[in-house]
Protein backbone atom coordinates (compact mmCIF):
# COMPACT_ATOMS: atom_id res chain seq x y z
CA MET A 1 -86.79 -48.11 -195.22
CA LEU A 2 -89.95 -50.15 -195.44
CA THR A 3 -89.04 -52.52 -198.25
CA PRO A 4 -85.78 -54.08 -199.43
CA PRO A 5 -84.32 -51.74 -202.10
CA PRO A 6 -82.50 -52.47 -205.30
CA ALA A 7 -79.20 -50.68 -205.83
CA PRO A 8 -80.35 -47.10 -206.58
CA PRO A 9 -79.26 -44.92 -210.00
CA ALA A 10 -70.39 -39.00 -175.57
CA LEU A 11 -70.48 -39.87 -173.53
CA ARG A 12 -66.78 -38.99 -173.43
CA ARG A 13 -65.45 -38.79 -176.94
CA ALA A 14 -65.26 -35.55 -178.82
CA GLY A 15 -65.68 -37.04 -182.26
CA PRO A 16 -65.10 -39.89 -184.73
CA ARG A 17 -61.71 -41.57 -184.92
CA HIS A 18 -61.26 -40.91 -188.64
CA ASP A 19 -60.70 -37.27 -187.59
CA ALA A 20 -57.09 -37.50 -186.39
CA ALA A 21 -57.15 -34.08 -184.77
CA ARG A 22 -59.89 -35.22 -182.39
CA ARG A 23 -58.73 -38.77 -181.77
CA PRO A 24 -58.17 -39.70 -178.14
CA PRO A 25 -54.97 -41.53 -177.19
CA ARG A 26 -55.38 -45.18 -178.06
CA GLY A 27 -51.83 -46.50 -178.33
CA ARG A 28 -52.24 -49.15 -175.68
CA TRP A 29 -55.27 -50.68 -177.42
CA LEU A 30 -53.76 -50.56 -180.88
CA ARG A 31 -50.50 -52.14 -179.75
CA ARG A 32 -52.36 -54.98 -178.08
CA ALA A 33 -54.71 -55.41 -181.03
CA ALA A 34 -51.81 -55.53 -183.48
CA VAL A 35 -50.40 -58.69 -181.97
CA ALA A 36 -53.75 -60.44 -181.57
CA ALA A 37 -55.19 -62.75 -184.18
CA ALA A 38 -57.60 -61.03 -186.56
CA VAL A 39 -60.52 -63.10 -185.32
CA LEU A 40 -60.43 -65.28 -182.20
CA THR A 41 -63.52 -67.44 -182.03
CA VAL A 42 -64.38 -68.65 -178.58
CA TRP A 43 -65.73 -71.98 -179.79
CA THR A 44 -63.49 -72.79 -182.71
CA ALA A 45 -60.07 -71.18 -182.31
CA ALA A 46 -57.47 -71.15 -179.57
CA PRO A 47 -56.49 -67.68 -178.36
CA SER A 48 -53.15 -66.29 -179.47
CA ALA A 49 -50.37 -67.21 -177.07
CA ALA A 50 -48.76 -63.83 -177.66
CA ALA A 51 -51.81 -61.75 -176.71
CA PRO A 52 -54.63 -63.84 -175.24
CA PRO A 53 -57.97 -62.22 -174.59
CA ASP A 54 -58.34 -61.06 -170.99
CA ARG A 55 -60.96 -63.39 -169.50
CA GLY A 56 -60.80 -62.24 -165.91
CA SER A 57 -60.92 -58.48 -165.30
CA GLY A 58 -63.19 -56.02 -167.01
CA HIS A 59 -60.21 -54.40 -168.73
CA GLY A 60 -57.98 -55.27 -171.66
CA HIS A 61 -58.48 -56.47 -175.20
CA CYS A 62 -61.58 -58.66 -175.38
CA ALA A 63 -61.72 -58.93 -171.61
CA ARG A 64 -64.02 -61.72 -170.32
CA HIS A 65 -64.83 -62.76 -173.87
CA GLY A 66 -64.93 -66.44 -172.93
CA VAL A 67 -67.49 -66.05 -170.16
CA LEU A 68 -70.14 -63.85 -171.77
CA HIS A 69 -73.67 -65.19 -171.96
CA VAL A 70 -76.68 -63.58 -173.66
CA PRO A 71 -79.71 -64.24 -171.41
CA GLY A 72 -82.43 -66.11 -173.26
CA ALA A 73 -80.41 -66.80 -176.40
CA ALA A 74 -80.86 -70.17 -178.08
CA ARG A 75 -77.52 -69.78 -179.84
CA GLN A 76 -74.59 -67.39 -179.54
CA GLN A 77 -71.04 -67.07 -180.79
CA ALA A 78 -68.57 -64.62 -179.27
CA ASP A 79 -65.58 -63.52 -181.38
CA CYS A 80 -62.62 -61.37 -180.41
CA LEU A 81 -62.03 -58.93 -183.28
CA THR A 82 -59.34 -56.41 -184.08
CA GLU A 83 -61.97 -54.27 -185.83
CA LEU A 84 -65.66 -53.87 -184.93
CA THR A 85 -66.51 -51.36 -187.68
CA THR A 86 -67.29 -52.29 -191.26
CA ALA A 87 -63.66 -51.43 -192.08
CA GLY A 88 -62.95 -54.93 -190.72
CA THR A 89 -66.23 -56.80 -190.31
CA VAL A 90 -66.91 -57.03 -194.04
CA ALA A 91 -63.69 -58.99 -194.60
CA SER A 92 -64.02 -61.03 -191.41
CA GLY A 93 -67.64 -62.01 -192.15
CA HIS A 94 -69.07 -60.22 -189.12
CA THR A 95 -71.52 -58.13 -191.12
CA ALA A 96 -73.59 -58.62 -194.25
CA PRO A 97 -73.28 -55.76 -196.77
CA ALA A 98 -76.55 -56.85 -198.39
CA ASP A 99 -78.32 -55.92 -195.16
CA TRP A 100 -77.31 -52.26 -195.47
CA ALA A 101 -77.02 -51.86 -199.25
CA GLY A 102 -78.55 -48.63 -200.53
CA LEU A 103 -79.11 -46.97 -197.17
CA THR A 104 -76.12 -44.61 -197.04
CA PRO A 105 -74.31 -42.25 -199.41
CA GLU A 106 -71.30 -43.66 -201.22
CA GLY A 107 -68.91 -41.10 -199.74
CA LEU A 108 -69.74 -41.82 -196.10
CA ALA A 109 -66.48 -42.13 -194.16
CA THR A 110 -65.76 -45.44 -192.41
CA PRO A 111 -64.10 -45.15 -189.00
CA ARG A 112 -61.52 -47.73 -187.99
CA GLY A 113 -59.39 -48.75 -185.04
CA VAL A 114 -62.08 -50.24 -182.79
CA PRO A 115 -61.07 -53.63 -181.33
CA GLY A 116 -63.46 -55.60 -179.16
CA ILE A 117 -65.94 -58.46 -178.92
CA GLN A 118 -68.83 -59.28 -181.26
CA ILE A 119 -71.57 -61.69 -180.23
CA ASP A 120 -73.88 -63.10 -182.90
CA GLY A 121 -76.83 -65.30 -182.09
CA TYR A 122 -80.58 -65.73 -182.01
CA PHE A 123 -83.41 -66.05 -179.56
CA PRO A 124 -85.90 -68.94 -179.72
CA ASP A 125 -88.32 -68.42 -182.62
CA THR A 126 -90.39 -70.45 -185.06
CA SER A 127 -89.82 -68.40 -188.24
CA SER A 128 -86.82 -68.85 -190.51
CA GLY A 129 -86.55 -66.02 -193.03
CA ASN A 130 -83.14 -64.73 -191.90
CA THR A 131 -80.42 -66.69 -193.71
CA ASN A 132 -77.39 -64.92 -192.19
CA HIS A 133 -74.67 -67.37 -191.05
CA GLY A 134 -76.63 -70.16 -192.74
CA TRP A 135 -78.77 -70.37 -189.61
CA ASN A 136 -82.13 -69.90 -191.39
CA HIS A 137 -83.53 -68.59 -188.14
CA ASP A 138 -85.22 -65.32 -187.24
CA SER A 139 -84.74 -63.24 -184.09
CA GLN A 140 -81.05 -62.96 -184.88
CA PHE A 141 -79.07 -60.27 -183.09
CA VAL A 142 -75.60 -58.77 -182.98
CA ILE A 143 -73.94 -57.25 -179.90
CA ARG A 144 -70.64 -55.34 -180.19
CA LEU A 145 -68.52 -54.52 -177.13
CA PRO A 146 -65.59 -52.17 -177.83
CA ASP A 147 -62.50 -52.46 -175.66
CA ASP A 148 -62.50 -48.70 -175.14
CA TRP A 149 -66.03 -48.32 -173.72
CA ASN A 150 -67.65 -44.98 -172.98
CA GLY A 151 -70.17 -46.42 -170.53
CA GLY A 152 -73.16 -46.35 -172.87
CA LEU A 153 -75.29 -48.75 -174.92
CA VAL A 154 -77.09 -48.11 -178.23
CA VAL A 155 -79.91 -50.50 -179.19
CA ALA A 156 -81.40 -50.59 -182.68
CA GLY A 157 -83.92 -52.46 -184.80
CA SER A 158 -83.53 -52.96 -188.53
CA PRO A 159 -85.22 -50.66 -191.04
CA GLY A 160 -87.68 -52.12 -193.51
CA VAL A 161 -87.78 -55.89 -193.34
CA ARG A 162 -83.99 -56.17 -193.37
CA GLU A 163 -81.75 -58.15 -191.06
CA GLN A 164 -79.66 -57.34 -188.02
CA TYR A 165 -76.68 -55.71 -189.74
CA ALA A 166 -78.80 -53.15 -191.63
CA ASN A 167 -77.74 -50.24 -189.38
CA ASP A 168 -74.01 -51.00 -189.49
CA ARG A 169 -73.08 -48.26 -191.96
CA ALA A 170 -75.76 -45.71 -191.06
CA PHE A 171 -74.91 -45.55 -187.36
CA GLY A 172 -73.54 -48.85 -186.05
CA ASP A 173 -70.00 -47.82 -187.06
CA TRP A 174 -70.57 -44.42 -185.46
CA ALA A 175 -71.75 -46.01 -182.20
CA VAL A 176 -68.78 -48.31 -181.61
CA ASP A 177 -66.33 -45.69 -182.85
CA ARG A 178 -67.70 -43.33 -180.23
CA GLY A 179 -67.26 -46.02 -177.59
CA TYR A 180 -70.80 -47.29 -177.20
CA ALA A 181 -71.69 -50.93 -176.88
CA PHE A 182 -74.07 -51.61 -179.77
CA ALA A 183 -76.88 -54.15 -180.12
CA ALA A 184 -79.21 -54.69 -183.08
CA THR A 185 -82.07 -57.07 -183.87
CA ASP A 186 -83.68 -58.31 -187.08
CA LYS A 187 -87.03 -57.70 -185.28
CA GLY A 188 -88.08 -61.36 -185.33
CA ASN A 189 -89.21 -61.70 -188.96
CA THR A 190 -87.62 -60.62 -192.22
CA SER A 191 -88.04 -60.27 -195.98
CA ALA A 192 -91.07 -59.33 -198.07
CA ALA A 193 -92.84 -62.41 -196.66
CA PHE A 194 -92.59 -61.17 -193.06
CA HIS A 195 -96.38 -61.12 -192.84
CA ARG A 196 -96.46 -64.93 -192.79
CA ASP A 197 -95.26 -64.80 -189.19
CA GLY A 198 -97.76 -64.71 -186.33
CA ARG A 199 -101.20 -66.18 -185.80
CA ALA A 200 -103.34 -63.09 -186.33
CA PRO A 201 -103.15 -59.85 -188.33
CA GLY A 202 -100.67 -57.44 -186.79
CA ASP A 203 -98.76 -60.13 -184.90
CA ALA A 204 -95.62 -59.91 -187.05
CA VAL A 205 -95.19 -56.18 -186.41
CA ALA A 206 -96.07 -56.64 -182.73
CA GLU A 207 -93.16 -59.09 -182.51
CA TRP A 208 -90.80 -56.32 -183.65
CA ASN A 209 -91.52 -54.43 -180.45
CA THR A 210 -91.13 -57.53 -178.29
CA ARG A 211 -87.78 -58.43 -179.85
CA PHE A 212 -86.42 -54.91 -179.38
CA THR A 213 -87.35 -54.97 -175.70
CA GLN A 214 -85.92 -58.48 -175.32
CA LEU A 215 -82.59 -57.48 -176.86
CA THR A 216 -82.34 -54.33 -174.77
CA ARG A 217 -82.65 -56.31 -171.55
CA ALA A 218 -80.24 -59.00 -172.73
CA ALA A 219 -77.67 -56.49 -174.02
CA ARG A 220 -77.68 -54.58 -170.74
CA ALA A 221 -76.90 -57.85 -168.94
CA VAL A 222 -74.07 -58.67 -171.37
CA VAL A 223 -72.61 -55.19 -170.93
CA ALA A 224 -72.56 -55.75 -167.17
CA GLN A 225 -70.79 -59.10 -167.68
CA ARG A 226 -68.17 -57.57 -169.97
CA TYR A 227 -67.44 -54.32 -168.14
CA LEU A 228 -68.49 -55.34 -164.62
CA ARG A 229 -71.16 -52.65 -164.40
CA LEU A 230 -74.44 -51.78 -166.07
CA PRO A 231 -74.45 -49.13 -168.78
CA SER A 232 -74.77 -45.62 -167.42
CA ARG A 233 -76.83 -44.71 -170.47
CA THR A 234 -79.03 -46.73 -172.84
CA LEU A 235 -80.16 -45.09 -176.09
CA ALA A 236 -82.68 -46.37 -178.64
CA MET A 237 -81.90 -45.48 -182.27
CA GLY A 238 -83.44 -46.41 -185.58
CA LEU A 239 -84.46 -45.33 -189.05
CA SER A 240 -87.79 -45.92 -190.81
CA ASN A 241 -89.30 -49.01 -189.20
CA GLY A 242 -86.42 -48.78 -186.73
CA GLY A 243 -87.54 -45.24 -185.92
CA TYR A 244 -91.05 -46.55 -185.26
CA LEU A 245 -89.51 -48.98 -182.77
CA VAL A 246 -87.71 -46.13 -180.97
CA ARG A 247 -90.99 -44.26 -180.58
CA TRP A 248 -92.85 -47.35 -179.37
CA GLN A 249 -90.17 -48.21 -176.82
CA LEU A 250 -90.09 -44.70 -175.35
CA GLU A 251 -93.89 -44.79 -175.12
CA ASN A 252 -94.20 -48.27 -173.63
CA HIS A 253 -90.90 -49.05 -171.85
CA PRO A 254 -89.36 -45.66 -171.02
CA GLY A 255 -87.69 -47.11 -167.91
CA LEU A 256 -85.31 -49.14 -170.10
CA TYR A 257 -83.90 -46.11 -171.91
CA ASP A 258 -82.46 -42.69 -171.25
CA GLY A 259 -83.48 -41.29 -174.63
CA GLY A 260 -83.78 -41.97 -178.34
CA VAL A 261 -83.05 -40.78 -181.87
CA ASP A 262 -85.84 -41.35 -184.40
CA TRP A 263 -84.75 -41.13 -188.05
CA GLU A 264 -87.92 -40.80 -190.22
CA GLY A 265 -89.90 -43.30 -188.17
CA THR A 266 -92.95 -45.01 -189.64
CA LEU A 267 -96.27 -43.82 -188.21
CA TRP A 268 -98.97 -46.34 -187.36
CA ARG A 269 -102.33 -45.03 -186.14
CA ALA A 270 -105.55 -47.04 -186.18
CA GLU A 271 -107.52 -44.02 -187.39
CA GLY A 272 -104.79 -42.95 -189.84
CA PRO A 273 -102.71 -41.57 -191.27
CA ASN A 274 -100.66 -44.63 -191.96
CA LEU A 275 -99.07 -46.01 -195.08
CA LEU A 276 -102.29 -47.87 -195.99
CA THR A 277 -104.01 -44.48 -196.32
CA PHE A 278 -101.46 -42.66 -198.50
CA LEU A 279 -99.95 -45.39 -200.71
CA PRO A 280 -103.14 -46.43 -202.58
CA PRO A 281 -103.78 -42.88 -203.90
CA ALA A 282 -100.25 -42.87 -205.31
CA LEU A 283 -100.80 -46.24 -206.97
CA ARG A 284 -103.98 -44.92 -208.58
CA ALA A 285 -102.79 -41.48 -209.59
CA TYR A 286 -99.15 -41.81 -210.55
CA PRO A 287 -99.64 -43.88 -213.75
CA ARG A 288 -102.09 -41.24 -215.01
CA TYR A 289 -99.68 -38.46 -214.14
CA ALA A 290 -96.78 -40.27 -215.85
CA ALA A 291 -98.84 -40.90 -218.98
CA GLY A 292 -99.21 -37.16 -219.44
CA GLY A 293 -102.77 -37.32 -220.76
CA ALA A 294 -105.66 -34.96 -220.32
CA ASP A 295 -106.07 -35.87 -216.66
CA ALA A 296 -102.36 -35.60 -215.74
CA GLU A 297 -102.92 -32.31 -213.94
CA GLU A 298 -105.77 -33.76 -211.86
CA ALA A 299 -103.60 -36.82 -211.08
CA HIS A 300 -100.86 -34.49 -209.88
CA ARG A 301 -103.34 -32.76 -207.55
CA THR A 302 -104.31 -36.19 -206.20
CA MET A 303 -100.67 -37.00 -205.49
CA THR A 304 -99.99 -33.76 -203.63
CA ALA A 305 -103.25 -34.03 -201.72
CA ALA A 306 -102.15 -37.51 -200.56
CA GLY A 307 -98.97 -35.98 -199.10
CA TYR A 308 -96.39 -36.26 -201.91
CA PRO A 309 -94.93 -32.74 -202.00
CA ALA A 310 -94.66 -30.60 -205.09
CA GLY A 311 -91.00 -30.53 -206.03
CA SER A 312 -90.54 -34.25 -205.36
CA GLU A 313 -91.81 -35.35 -208.79
CA PHE A 314 -88.33 -36.40 -209.94
CA LEU A 315 -88.44 -39.12 -207.25
CA TRP A 316 -91.84 -40.54 -208.17
CA PRO A 317 -90.78 -42.87 -211.05
CA TYR A 318 -88.20 -44.65 -208.89
CA HIS A 319 -90.57 -45.06 -205.97
CA HIS A 320 -93.40 -46.25 -208.18
CA GLN A 321 -91.15 -48.90 -209.73
CA TYR A 322 -89.55 -50.18 -206.53
CA TYR A 323 -91.37 -49.12 -203.38
CA TRP A 324 -94.98 -48.01 -203.41
CA ASP A 325 -96.56 -51.15 -204.86
CA LEU A 326 -94.59 -53.76 -202.91
CA THR A 327 -94.81 -51.81 -199.65
CA GLN A 328 -98.58 -51.41 -199.91
CA ARG A 329 -99.17 -55.06 -200.72
CA ILE A 330 -97.02 -56.67 -198.02
CA TYR A 331 -98.14 -54.38 -195.19
CA ARG A 332 -101.77 -54.59 -196.27
CA GLU A 333 -101.38 -58.38 -196.16
CA GLU A 334 -100.08 -58.09 -192.59
CA PHE A 335 -103.05 -56.10 -191.32
CA ASP A 336 -105.81 -56.99 -193.80
CA PRO A 337 -105.16 -60.40 -195.38
CA GLY A 338 -108.85 -60.84 -196.20
CA PHE A 339 -108.86 -58.00 -198.73
CA ASP A 340 -107.58 -60.23 -201.54
CA GLY A 341 -109.01 -63.53 -200.29
CA ALA A 342 -106.72 -66.49 -200.75
CA THR A 343 -104.22 -64.47 -202.79
CA GLU A 344 -101.08 -63.60 -200.85
CA ALA A 345 -100.05 -59.93 -200.94
CA GLY A 346 -102.20 -58.99 -203.89
CA THR A 347 -101.45 -58.54 -207.57
CA PRO A 348 -98.31 -56.56 -208.46
CA PHE A 349 -98.90 -53.30 -210.34
CA CYS A 350 -102.56 -54.00 -210.99
CA SER A 351 -104.70 -51.33 -212.59
CA PRO A 352 -107.62 -49.75 -210.72
CA GLY A 353 -110.72 -51.80 -211.31
CA THR A 354 -108.89 -55.13 -211.17
CA PRO A 355 -110.59 -57.35 -208.56
CA ALA A 356 -108.91 -57.04 -205.12
CA CYS A 357 -106.38 -54.53 -206.48
CA ASP A 358 -104.36 -52.64 -203.88
CA ALA A 359 -104.59 -49.50 -206.01
CA ASP A 360 -108.29 -49.45 -205.04
CA TYR A 361 -107.67 -50.14 -201.36
CA ALA A 362 -109.70 -47.85 -199.08
CA TYR A 363 -108.57 -48.24 -195.47
CA ALA A 364 -111.44 -46.19 -194.06
CA ARG A 365 -114.01 -48.55 -195.58
CA ARG A 366 -112.43 -51.77 -194.37
CA PRO A 367 -113.92 -53.78 -191.45
CA ASP A 368 -113.23 -52.78 -187.85
CA GLU A 369 -111.00 -55.85 -187.48
CA VAL A 370 -108.41 -54.15 -189.70
CA ARG A 371 -108.19 -51.09 -187.48
CA ASP A 372 -108.06 -53.41 -184.46
CA ALA A 373 -105.00 -55.12 -185.96
CA VAL A 374 -103.29 -51.76 -186.44
CA ALA A 375 -104.35 -50.62 -182.96
CA LYS A 376 -102.33 -53.39 -181.32
CA ILE A 377 -99.10 -51.79 -182.59
CA ALA A 378 -100.20 -48.15 -182.90
CA LEU A 379 -98.32 -45.17 -181.52
CA THR A 380 -99.82 -42.72 -179.04
CA GLY A 381 -97.27 -39.91 -178.68
CA ARG A 382 -96.97 -40.55 -174.93
CA ILE A 383 -93.18 -40.71 -174.82
CA GLY A 384 -91.56 -40.97 -171.41
CA LYS A 385 -87.95 -40.03 -172.21
CA PRO A 386 -86.24 -37.42 -174.41
CA LEU A 387 -86.64 -38.08 -178.13
CA ILE A 388 -85.10 -36.32 -181.10
CA SER A 389 -86.81 -36.94 -184.45
CA PHE A 390 -85.76 -35.83 -187.94
CA HIS A 391 -87.29 -36.43 -191.36
CA GLY A 392 -86.55 -35.31 -194.92
CA THR A 393 -89.02 -32.97 -196.58
CA LEU A 394 -88.68 -34.87 -199.90
CA ASP A 395 -89.44 -38.30 -198.45
CA VAL A 396 -91.90 -39.88 -200.89
CA LEU A 397 -92.06 -43.30 -199.28
CA LEU A 398 -93.24 -41.93 -195.93
CA PRO A 399 -94.38 -38.40 -196.85
CA ILE A 400 -93.41 -36.07 -194.03
CA SER A 401 -96.81 -34.40 -193.74
CA ARG A 402 -98.46 -37.78 -193.16
CA SER A 403 -95.71 -39.19 -190.94
CA SER A 404 -93.40 -37.26 -188.64
CA ASP A 405 -95.37 -33.99 -188.81
CA ALA A 406 -98.37 -35.94 -187.54
CA TYR A 407 -96.36 -37.72 -184.84
CA ALA A 408 -94.94 -34.43 -183.54
CA ARG A 409 -98.49 -33.15 -183.16
CA MET A 410 -99.44 -36.34 -181.30
CA VAL A 411 -96.59 -35.86 -178.84
CA ARG A 412 -97.62 -32.28 -178.26
CA ARG A 413 -101.29 -33.17 -177.74
CA GLU A 414 -100.26 -35.71 -175.10
CA GLY A 415 -98.44 -32.98 -173.17
CA ARG A 416 -95.01 -34.48 -173.88
CA GLY A 417 -93.68 -31.69 -176.09
CA ALA A 418 -90.95 -30.79 -173.59
CA LEU A 419 -89.44 -34.25 -174.18
CA HIS A 420 -89.41 -33.95 -177.97
CA ARG A 421 -87.40 -32.12 -180.60
CA TYR A 422 -88.36 -32.50 -184.25
CA TYR A 423 -86.29 -31.36 -187.23
CA ARG A 424 -87.64 -31.24 -190.78
CA VAL A 425 -84.60 -31.60 -193.07
CA GLU A 426 -85.00 -29.64 -196.27
CA GLY A 427 -84.01 -31.73 -199.30
CA GLY A 428 -83.74 -35.06 -197.47
CA THR A 429 -85.45 -38.19 -198.76
CA HIS A 430 -86.03 -41.67 -197.38
CA VAL A 431 -82.91 -43.38 -198.75
CA ASP A 432 -79.57 -41.57 -198.51
CA SER A 433 -78.06 -43.36 -201.49
CA LEU A 434 -80.51 -41.47 -203.73
CA ALA A 435 -78.45 -38.35 -203.00
CA ASP A 436 -75.77 -39.97 -205.19
CA ALA A 437 -78.30 -40.73 -207.93
CA PHE A 438 -79.59 -37.13 -207.91
CA PRO A 439 -76.53 -35.00 -207.07
CA GLY A 440 -77.33 -31.47 -206.00
CA ARG A 441 -81.04 -32.18 -205.62
CA LEU A 442 -81.04 -34.24 -202.42
CA ARG A 443 -79.32 -34.04 -199.07
CA PRO A 444 -78.11 -37.12 -197.13
CA LEU A 445 -79.63 -37.45 -193.69
CA VAL A 446 -76.74 -39.32 -192.05
CA PRO A 447 -75.05 -36.09 -190.81
CA CYS A 448 -78.37 -35.12 -189.22
CA HIS A 449 -78.20 -38.33 -187.22
CA ARG A 450 -74.77 -37.32 -185.93
CA SER A 451 -76.03 -33.87 -184.97
CA ALA A 452 -79.16 -35.29 -183.33
CA ALA A 453 -77.17 -37.87 -181.36
CA ALA A 454 -74.71 -35.26 -180.14
CA ALA A 455 -77.59 -32.99 -179.12
CA LEU A 456 -79.21 -35.86 -177.22
CA GLU A 457 -75.93 -36.54 -175.40
CA ARG A 458 -75.70 -32.90 -174.31
CA TRP A 459 -79.35 -32.95 -173.27
CA LEU A 460 -78.74 -35.98 -171.05
CA ASP A 461 -75.28 -34.92 -169.83
CA ASP A 462 -76.08 -31.50 -168.44
CA GLY A 463 -79.62 -30.58 -169.39
CA ARG A 464 -78.68 -28.40 -172.37
CA ARG A 465 -81.86 -28.62 -174.41
CA PRO A 466 -81.46 -28.90 -178.19
CA PRO A 467 -82.62 -26.03 -180.39
CA SER A 468 -86.39 -25.80 -180.74
CA SER A 469 -88.09 -27.84 -183.45
CA ARG A 470 -87.59 -26.34 -186.89
CA THR A 471 -86.84 -26.87 -190.56
CA LEU A 472 -83.12 -27.33 -191.25
CA LYS A 473 -82.04 -25.57 -194.40
CA LEU A 474 -78.80 -26.22 -196.27
CA PRO A 475 -77.05 -23.33 -198.01
CA ALA A 476 -77.37 -23.61 -201.76
CA ASP A 477 -73.59 -23.30 -202.14
CA ALA A 478 -72.79 -26.21 -199.79
CA THR A 479 -70.04 -28.43 -201.19
CA PRO A 480 -70.52 -32.20 -201.61
CA ALA A 481 -68.25 -32.74 -198.59
CA GLU A 482 -70.38 -30.38 -196.50
CA ARG A 483 -73.53 -32.24 -197.49
CA LEU A 484 -71.96 -35.43 -196.10
CA THR A 485 -70.77 -33.92 -192.84
CA ARG A 486 -72.90 -30.91 -191.89
CA CYS A 487 -76.40 -30.74 -190.46
CA PRO A 488 -76.48 -28.01 -187.81
CA LEU A 489 -79.66 -27.99 -185.74
CA SER A 490 -79.63 -24.22 -185.41
CA GLY A 491 -81.57 -21.81 -187.59
CA LYS A 492 -84.90 -20.05 -187.61
CA PRO A 493 -87.79 -22.01 -186.04
CA ASP A 494 -90.68 -22.77 -188.39
CA GLY A 495 -93.62 -22.82 -186.04
CA GLY A 496 -92.77 -25.31 -183.31
CA PRO A 497 -92.91 -29.04 -182.80
CA ALA A 498 -96.12 -29.53 -184.73
CA GLY A 499 -94.45 -28.55 -187.98
CA PRO A 500 -96.46 -27.04 -190.83
CA LYS A 501 -100.08 -27.94 -191.25
CA GLY A 502 -101.32 -30.14 -194.05
């Protein structure tokens, strides 16, 4: 997700713990957790005399919780929790539901029964948009360390311009339930005013990459402190802007990771396509299409030519109202603040012809300095570790033909196709909660994350390569429950990693 939305109309484990038939024995952890206090805060609460956290060995409930230190952190707080998933962290105040509102389908199951340590904190920074914990400080992070560890670490960056808990429902719960240590960053600047950070155009987005790398290194060190050994596997995961971060990390710091899962990552290329090339046509054409006048048909052709697929029209009103305009203005301000002079982030919903209107923005005609700003954070396709990408065919915030299709071709051109699998998910869109607003017309992507992650694990465990890149179709008679749980990666290939042309 690129902009904050309103509420819309193993490593060793076989599966999630809410599936009792596949649950590994956990009696010893649950018995110990049951007699521990719900939240034991290292700085403010004395440990329970009946079941104190184990501060010495690398084993036991909340082992070594009092000696953990996040390298480079300006502030940290380590809490011993009986529940690391959102089944417990909502009530205990160790997540922020507003961070992940609107990203997942309502019926997504919540695993439970994961005791361990959570560390919240922040790295030194000068910006202050993140208000979580009342800290008013950016570069906040969360690190979760389950008692029953599988040896791995998942690192994530927030989608959109959200904060560090934004992935908790989409895949943070999944990660700790599966036994991974989990770390997430707010990327160093937050909110629709993120572009105020940095000294030069592009600096705010460049900080996202730096903060992800910083947290990965720090989290690996904390894992070693907690479990007395480094993680045997480090995976990068993310959706939307978080997916962009996964791609960038595997291109620029492949030595830190064993692989990654990219959920509809944002594509930035200095020469395009990027969102500054396909959002302005939508802002110009959609109002004419919606008005239904004599030029509505021509406006529709403009929309489809810009990448918005025929068949996605039912999603256009929502995205015009909430996403296209704001997204264009705030990201254009980040890379091209001079377009509207002293005005900050343009004029909302301006009509073409209005001075400095983002509906008239033409990226190709802007000064070279704009492309230079994008170039400092651009992707190349030169990934150095295995990457699985997936993207919904009905995404009308980041149209698939202008985003992941193009990135798959970049990877292939760079000779890295053997490291990449790319799945086009028929009927998926950018925000999974819209599947609830349009039942039967959209398919949640969260089960595709589970399938992609499992395929990556098998790829890394024993070299079993995932199915070749393809379009994933869903049977028309799939039940609502199947839509929430099934996304097999098998099926007929549709032409290889480049995806369809266009």
